[in-house]
Structure formats: C-alpha cells, structure tokens
Amino acid sequence: MISDGMAQAGQHEIAVRILDDSLSLIEASGFAEYYDPLTGEGCGGETFTWTAAMVIDFLTRFLTRFKELA
C-alpha cells in the first residue's frame, strides 16, 4: 500500500525500491507474518497468507505494467 501511494504521488523510484526490497525480504525470510526491521528475520507466523497475497499483487501489477509498455 505504501508503494501504491508513493507511485500515485509521482515517487516512482521509491515505489519500485519498496517493491524490490519487499520481494527480496520475502525471498530471504519466507512468507512471515512480519519481519524484524533490523535483521530482516521472519517473525510470527511462518506461512502467513497476507504476505503471499502481497507477492501475487506485486507480480500482477508488474506484469500489467510490463504489458502496457510492450
């Protein structure tokens, strides 16, 4: 949601960084409920569906944008 707001405000580089960093964190630490802000360690539930849904949303938006540019 933060990346959406940044993109809508014209802050596209920050929005992309948030998406990239989020996906990197999930790749490294799994579908955790939340993450330690200092270490990136996954905390809480280990298979949290909200995090998985966020990845689906990120990838859907990326593919939609990619198709628009093609």
PDB file of N, CA and C in Angstrom:
ATOM      1  N   MET A   1       0.814  -1.186   0.000  1.00  0.00           N
ATOM      2  CA  MET A   1       0.000   0.000   0.000  1.00  0.00           C
ATOM      3  C   MET A   1       0.862   1.255   0.000  1.00  0.00           C
ATOM      4  N   ILE A   2       1.976   1.205   0.686  1.00  0.00           N
ATOM      5  CA  ILE A   2       2.869   2.359   0.708  1.00  0.00           C
ATOM      6  C   ILE A   2       3.430   2.598  -0.689  1.00  0.00           C
ATOM      7  N   SER A   3       3.817   1.526  -1.378  1.00  0.00           N
ATOM      8  CA  SER A   3       4.355   1.704  -2.723  1.00  0.00           C
ATOM      9  C   SER A   3       3.293   2.271  -3.660  1.00  0.00           C
ATOM     10  N   ASP A   4       2.043   1.876  -3.496  1.00  0.00           N
ATOM     11  CA  ASP A   4       0.961   2.433  -4.314  1.00  0.00           C
ATOM     12  C   ASP A   4       0.854   3.942  -4.107  1.00  0.00           C
ATOM     13  N   GLY A   5       0.865   4.368  -2.858  1.00  0.00           N
ATOM     14  CA  GLY A   5       0.763   5.790  -2.554  1.00  0.00           C
ATOM     15  C   GLY A   5       1.942   6.574  -3.092  1.00  0.00           C
ATOM     16  N   MET A   6       3.133   6.001  -2.977  1.00  0.00           N
ATOM     17  CA  MET A   6       4.319   6.685  -3.495  1.00  0.00           C
ATOM     18  C   MET A   6       4.238   6.819  -5.018  1.00  0.00           C
ATOM     19  N   ALA A   7       3.791   5.770  -5.682  1.00  0.00           N
ATOM     20  CA  ALA A   7       3.650   5.820  -7.141  1.00  0.00           C
ATOM     21  C   ALA A   7       2.609   6.850  -7.551  1.00  0.00           C
ATOM     22  N   GLN A   8       1.483   6.887  -6.833  1.00  0.00           N
ATOM     23  CA  GLN A   8       0.436   7.859  -7.152  1.00  0.00           C
ATOM     24  C   GLN A   8       0.895   9.287  -6.907  1.00  0.00           C
ATOM     25  N   ALA A   9       1.855   9.450  -5.995  1.00  0.00           N
ATOM     26  CA  ALA A   9       2.399  10.781  -5.704  1.00  0.00           C
ATOM     27  C   ALA A   9       3.550  11.144  -6.641  1.00  0.00           C
ATOM     28  N   GLY A  10       3.819  10.275  -7.614  1.00  0.00           N
ATOM     29  CA  GLY A  10       4.881  10.551  -8.571  1.00  0.00           C
ATOM     30  C   GLY A  10       6.263  10.129  -8.115  1.00  0.00           C
ATOM     31  N   GLN A  11       6.346   9.431  -7.000  1.00  0.00           N
ATOM     32  CA  GLN A  11       7.624   8.979  -6.451  1.00  0.00           C
ATOM     33  C   GLN A  11       7.903   7.544  -6.916  1.00  0.00           C
ATOM     34  N   HIS A  12       8.073   7.391  -8.227  1.00  0.00           N
ATOM     35  CA  HIS A  12       8.172   6.061  -8.823  1.00  0.00           C
ATOM     36  C   HIS A  12       9.424   5.301  -8.395  1.00  0.00           C
ATOM     37  N   GLU A  13      10.549   5.982  -8.267  1.00  0.00           N
ATOM     38  CA  GLU A  13      11.773   5.290  -7.858  1.00  0.00           C
ATOM     39  C   GLU A  13      11.638   4.700  -6.452  1.00  0.00           C
ATOM     40  N   ILE A  14      11.038   5.457  -5.551  1.00  0.00           N
ATOM     41  CA  ILE A  14      10.834   4.960  -4.189  1.00  0.00           C
ATOM     42  C   ILE A  14       9.839   3.798  -4.198  1.00  0.00           C
ATOM     43  N   ALA A  15       8.781   3.920  -4.986  1.00  0.00           N
ATOM     44  CA  ALA A  15       7.785   2.852  -5.073  1.00  0.00           C
ATOM     45  C   ALA A  15       8.425   1.555  -5.557  1.00  0.00           C
ATOM     46  N   VAL A  16       9.262   1.638  -6.581  1.00  0.00           N
ATOM     47  CA  VAL A  16       9.937   0.457  -7.111  1.00  0.00           C
ATOM     48  C   VAL A  16      10.898  -0.111  -6.077  1.00  0.00           C
ATOM     49  N   ARG A  17      11.589   0.753  -5.356  1.00  0.00           N
ATOM     50  CA  ARG A  17      12.521   0.266  -4.327  1.00  0.00           C
ATOM     51  C   ARG A  17      11.772  -0.494  -3.231  1.00  0.00           C
ATOM     52  N   ILE A  18      10.624   0.020  -2.823  1.00  0.00           N
ATOM     53  CA  ILE A  18       9.825  -0.667  -1.804  1.00  0.00           C
ATOM     54  C   ILE A  18       9.410  -2.045  -2.304  1.00  0.00           C
ATOM     55  N   LEU A  19       8.949  -2.120  -3.552  1.00  0.00           N
ATOM     56  CA  LEU A  19       8.558  -3.411  -4.117  1.00  0.00           C
ATOM     57  C   LEU A  19       9.746  -4.364  -4.185  1.00  0.00           C
ATOM     58  N   ASP A  20      10.869  -3.881  -4.715  1.00  0.00           N
ATOM     59  CA  ASP A  20      12.059  -4.726  -4.836  1.00  0.00           C
ATOM     60  C   ASP A  20      12.553  -5.205  -3.477  1.00  0.00           C
ATOM     61  N   ASP A  21      12.648  -4.279  -2.530  1.00  0.00           N
ATOM     62  CA  ASP A  21      13.134  -4.648  -1.198  1.00  0.00           C
ATOM     63  C   ASP A  21      12.180  -5.625  -0.504  1.00  0.00           C
ATOM     64  N   SER A  22      10.879  -5.433  -0.698  1.00  0.00           N
ATOM     65  CA  SER A  22       9.896  -6.331  -0.095  1.00  0.00           C
ATOM     66  C   SER A  22      10.028  -7.737  -0.660  1.00  0.00           C
ATOM     67  N   LEU A  23      10.158  -7.838  -1.977  1.00  0.00           N
ATOM     68  CA  LEU A  23      10.309  -9.156  -2.586  1.00  0.00           C
ATOM     69  C   LEU A  23      11.611  -9.823  -2.172  1.00  0.00           C
ATOM     70  N   SER A  24      12.678  -9.052  -2.049  1.00  0.00           N
ATOM     71  CA  SER A  24      13.958  -9.607  -1.591  1.00  0.00           C
ATOM     72  C   SER A  24      13.849 -10.120  -0.161  1.00  0.00           C
ATOM     73  N   LEU A  25      13.163  -9.375   0.685  1.00  0.00           N
ATOM     74  CA  LEU A  25      12.968  -9.781   2.075  1.00  0.00           C
ATOM     75  C   LEU A  25      12.163 -11.076   2.159  1.00  0.00           C
ATOM     76  N   ILE A  26      11.114 -11.156   1.378  1.00  0.00           N
ATOM     77  CA  ILE A  26      10.276 -12.356   1.374  1.00  0.00           C
ATOM     78  C   ILE A  26      11.060 -13.547   0.821  1.00  0.00           C
ATOM     79  N   GLU A  27      11.845 -13.311  -0.216  1.00  0.00           N
ATOM     80  CA  GLU A  27      12.659 -14.393  -0.776  1.00  0.00           C
ATOM     81  C   GLU A  27      13.655 -14.919   0.261  1.00  0.00           C
ATOM     82  N   ALA A  28      14.247 -14.012   1.028  1.00  0.00           N
ATOM     83  CA  ALA A  28      15.256 -14.405   2.012  1.00  0.00           C
ATOM     84  C   ALA A  28      14.654 -15.010   3.279  1.00  0.00           C
ATOM     85  N   SER A  29      13.485 -14.498   3.711  1.00  0.00           N
ATOM     86  CA  SER A  29      12.952 -14.881   5.021  1.00  0.00           C
ATOM     87  C   SER A  29      11.611 -15.596   4.974  1.00  0.00           C
ATOM     88  N   GLY A  30      11.073 -15.820   3.790  1.00  0.00           N
ATOM     89  CA  GLY A  30       9.824 -16.565   3.669  1.00  0.00           C
ATOM     90  C   GLY A  30       8.580 -15.714   3.867  1.00  0.00           C
ATOM     91  N   PHE A  31       7.443 -16.378   3.838  1.00  0.00           N
ATOM     92  CA  PHE A  31       6.142 -15.720   3.962  1.00  0.00           C
ATOM     93  C   PHE A  31       5.777 -15.513   5.429  1.00  0.00           C
ATOM     94  N   ALA A  32       6.566 -14.720   6.108  1.00  0.00           N
ATOM     95  CA  ALA A  32       6.355 -14.479   7.537  1.00  0.00           C
ATOM     96  C   ALA A  32       5.219 -13.485   7.763  1.00  0.00           C
ATOM     97  N   GLU A  33       4.730 -13.491   8.971  1.00  0.00           N
ATOM     98  CA  GLU A  33       3.676 -12.548   9.364  1.00  0.00           C
ATOM     99  C   GLU A  33       4.212 -11.126   9.384  1.00  0.00           C
ATOM    100  N   TYR A  34       5.415 -10.975   9.897  1.00  0.00           N
ATOM    101  CA  TYR A  34       6.101  -9.677   9.893  1.00  0.00           C
ATOM    102  C   TYR A  34       7.594  -9.935   9.993  1.00  0.00           C
ATOM    103  N   TYR A  35       8.386  -8.896   9.852  1.00  0.00           N
ATOM    104  CA  TYR A  35       9.833  -9.040   9.777  1.00  0.00           C
ATOM    105  C   TYR A  35      10.514  -8.098  10.761  1.00  0.00           C
ATOM    106  N   ASP A  36      11.609  -8.569  11.341  1.00  0.00           N
ATOM    107  CA  ASP A  36      12.402  -7.728  12.229  1.00  0.00           C
ATOM    108  C   ASP A  36      12.984  -6.588  11.387  1.00  0.00           C
ATOM    109  N   PRO A  37      12.747  -5.334  11.776  1.00  0.00           N
ATOM    110  CA  PRO A  37      13.202  -4.210  10.956  1.00  0.00           C
ATOM    111  C   PRO A  37      14.723  -4.044  10.912  1.00  0.00           C
ATOM    112  N   LEU A  38      15.424  -4.644  11.839  1.00  0.00           N
ATOM    113  CA  LEU A  38      16.887  -4.515  11.860  1.00  0.00           C
ATOM    114  C   LEU A  38      17.585  -5.685  11.176  1.00  0.00           C
ATOM    115  N   THR A  39      17.061  -6.896  11.360  1.00  0.00           N
ATOM    116  CA  THR A  39      17.731  -8.080  10.822  1.00  0.00           C
ATOM    117  C   THR A  39      17.053  -8.657   9.580  1.00  0.00           C
ATOM    118  N   GLY A  40      15.785  -8.331   9.369  1.00  0.00           N
ATOM    119  CA  GLY A  40      15.026  -8.911   8.268  1.00  0.00           C
ATOM    120  C   GLY A  40      14.526 -10.307   8.550  1.00  0.00           C
ATOM    121  N   GLU A  41      14.771 -10.793   9.768  1.00  0.00           N
ATOM    122  CA  GLU A  41      14.328 -12.129  10.144  1.00  0.00           C
ATOM    123  C   GLU A  41      12.801 -12.203  10.150  1.00  0.00           C
ATOM    124  N   GLY A  42      12.264 -13.297   9.581  1.00  0.00           N
ATOM    125  CA  GLY A  42      10.827 -13.501   9.608  1.00  0.00           C
ATOM    126  C   GLY A  42      10.348 -13.793  11.017  1.00  0.00           C
ATOM    127  N   CYS A  43       9.258 -13.182  11.425  1.00  0.00           N
ATOM    128  CA  CYS A  43       8.713 -13.347  12.777  1.00  0.00           C
ATOM    129  C   CYS A  43       7.231 -13.709  12.677  1.00  0.00           C
ATOM    130  N   GLY A  44       6.667 -14.156  13.789  1.00  0.00           N
ATOM    131  CA  GLY A  44       5.253 -14.512  13.821  1.00  0.00           C
ATOM    132  C   GLY A  44       4.997 -15.774  13.020  1.00  0.00           C
ATOM    133  N   GLY A  45       3.854 -15.827  12.363  1.00  0.00           N
ATOM    134  CA  GLY A  45       3.502 -16.992  11.565  1.00  0.00           C
ATOM    135  C   GLY A  45       4.469 -17.189  10.407  1.00  0.00           C
ATOM    136  N   GLU A  46       4.759 -18.452  10.109  1.00  0.00           N
ATOM    137  CA  GLU A  46       5.738 -18.754   9.062  1.00  0.00           C
ATOM    138  C   GLU A  46       5.135 -18.887   7.666  1.00  0.00           C
ATOM    139  N   THR A  47       3.849 -19.102   7.584  1.00  0.00           N
ATOM    140  CA  THR A  47       3.181 -19.216   6.285  1.00  0.00           C
ATOM    141  C   THR A  47       1.982 -18.276   6.266  1.00  0.00           C
ATOM    142  N   PHE A  48       2.257 -17.016   6.375  1.00  0.00           N
ATOM    143  CA  PHE A  48       1.218 -16.011   6.506  1.00  0.00           C
ATOM    144  C   PHE A  48       0.657 -15.672   5.131  1.00  0.00           C
ATOM    145  N   THR A  49      -0.623 -15.902   4.924  1.00  0.00           N
ATOM    146  CA  THR A  49      -1.212 -15.742   3.601  1.00  0.00           C
ATOM    147  C   THR A  49      -1.286 -14.292   3.137  1.00  0.00           C
ATOM    148  N   TRP A  50      -1.333 -13.332   4.049  1.00  0.00           N
ATOM    149  CA  TRP A  50      -1.345 -11.925   3.639  1.00  0.00           C
ATOM    150  C   TRP A  50      -0.060 -11.591   2.888  1.00  0.00           C
ATOM    151  N   THR A  51       1.064 -12.126   3.345  1.00  0.00           N
ATOM    152  CA  THR A  51       2.338 -11.879   2.672  1.00  0.00           C
ATOM    153  C   THR A  51       2.338 -12.529   1.291  1.00  0.00           C
ATOM    154  N   ALA A  52       1.811 -13.729   1.192  1.00  0.00           N
ATOM    155  CA  ALA A  52       1.720 -14.394  -0.105  1.00  0.00           C
ATOM    156  C   ALA A  52       0.806 -13.607  -1.046  1.00  0.00           C
ATOM    157  N   ALA A  53      -0.299 -13.102  -0.534  1.00  0.00           N
ATOM    158  CA  ALA A  53      -1.216 -12.295  -1.348  1.00  0.00           C
ATOM    159  C   ALA A  53      -0.529 -11.017  -1.834  1.00  0.00           C
ATOM    160  N   MET A  54       0.315 -10.440  -0.997  1.00  0.00           N
ATOM    161  CA  MET A  54       1.053  -9.240  -1.382  1.00  0.00           C
ATOM    162  C   MET A  54       1.975  -9.531  -2.559  1.00  0.00           C
ATOM    163  N   VAL A  55       2.642 -10.673  -2.542  1.00  0.00           N
ATOM    164  CA  VAL A  55       3.527 -11.052  -3.649  1.00  0.00           C
ATOM    165  C   VAL A  55       2.715 -11.213  -4.931  1.00  0.00           C
ATOM    166  N   ILE A  56       1.566 -11.858  -4.845  1.00  0.00           N
ATOM    167  CA  ILE A  56       0.706 -12.008  -6.021  1.00  0.00           C
ATOM    168  C   ILE A  56       0.306 -10.641  -6.562  1.00  0.00           C
ATOM    169  N   ASP A  57      -0.048  -9.726  -5.678  1.00  0.00           N
ATOM    170  CA  ASP A  57      -0.412  -8.371  -6.096  1.00  0.00           C
ATOM    171  C   ASP A  57       0.765  -7.667  -6.771  1.00  0.00           C
ATOM    172  N   PHE A  58       1.947  -7.742  -6.170  1.00  0.00           N
ATOM    173  CA  PHE A  58       3.144  -7.124  -6.759  1.00  0.00           C
ATOM    174  C   PHE A  58       3.382  -7.645  -8.172  1.00  0.00           C
ATOM    175  N   LEU A  59       3.361  -8.975  -8.320  1.00  0.00           N
ATOM    176  CA  LEU A  59       3.658  -9.574  -9.611  1.00  0.00           C
ATOM    177  C   LEU A  59       2.579  -9.267 -10.639  1.00  0.00           C
ATOM    178  N   THR A  60       1.322  -9.244 -10.219  1.00  0.00           N
ATOM    179  CA  THR A  60       0.232  -8.891 -11.128  1.00  0.00           C
ATOM    180  C   THR A  60       0.389  -7.468 -11.632  1.00  0.00           C
ATOM    181  N   ARG A  61       0.696  -6.551 -10.718  1.00  0.00           N
ATOM    182  CA  ARG A  61       0.878  -5.157 -11.136  1.00  0.00           C
ATOM    183  C   ARG A  61       2.093  -5.010 -12.046  1.00  0.00           C
ATOM    184  N   PHE A  62       3.157  -5.736 -11.747  1.00  0.00           N
ATOM    185  CA  PHE A  62       4.347  -5.673 -12.582  1.00  0.00           C
ATOM    186  C   PHE A  62       4.038  -6.166 -13.996  1.00  0.00           C
ATOM    187  N   LEU A  63       3.369  -7.325 -14.095  1.00  0.00           N
ATOM    188  CA  LEU A  63       3.057  -7.879 -15.405  1.00  0.00           C
ATOM    189  C   LEU A  63       2.098  -6.989 -16.178  1.00  0.00           C
ATOM    190  N   THR A  64       1.126  -6.388 -15.490  1.00  0.00           N
ATOM    191  CA  THR A  64       0.198  -5.470 -16.145  1.00  0.00           C
ATOM    192  C   THR A  64       0.954  -4.266 -16.707  1.00  0.00           C
ATOM    193  N   ARG A  65       1.851  -3.714 -15.904  1.00  0.00           N
ATOM    194  CA  ARG A  65       2.642  -2.557 -16.342  1.00  0.00           C
ATOM    195  C   ARG A  65       3.568  -2.940 -17.495  1.00  0.00           C
ATOM    196  N   PHE A  66       4.173  -4.116 -17.429  1.00  0.00           N
ATOM    197  CA  PHE A  66       5.064  -4.595 -18.477  1.00  0.00           C
ATOM    198  C   PHE A  66       4.306  -4.708 -19.797  1.00  0.00           C
ATOM    199  N   LYS A  67       3.081  -5.253 -19.758  1.00  0.00           N
ATOM    200  CA  LYS A  67       2.271  -5.396 -20.965  1.00  0.00           C
ATOM    201  C   LYS A  67       1.892  -4.029 -21.535  1.00  0.00           C
ATOM    202  N   GLU A  68       1.649  -3.048 -20.664  1.00  0.00           N
ATOM    203  CA  GLU A  68       1.309  -1.704 -21.123  1.00  0.00           C
ATOM    204  C   GLU A  68       2.473  -1.064 -21.885  1.00  0.00           C
ATOM    205  N   LEU A  69       3.690  -1.360 -21.453  1.00  0.00           N
ATOM    206  CA  LEU A  69       4.874  -0.773 -22.064  1.00  0.00           C
ATOM    207  C   LEU A  69       5.284  -1.483 -23.345  1.00  0.00           C
ATOM    208  N   ALA A  70       4.834  -2.732 -23.515  1.00  0.00           N
ATOM    209  CA  ALA A  70       5.241  -3.525 -24.699  1.00  0.00           C
ATOM    210  C   ALA A  70       4.481  -3.110 -25.944  1.00  0.00           C
TER     211      ALA A  70
END
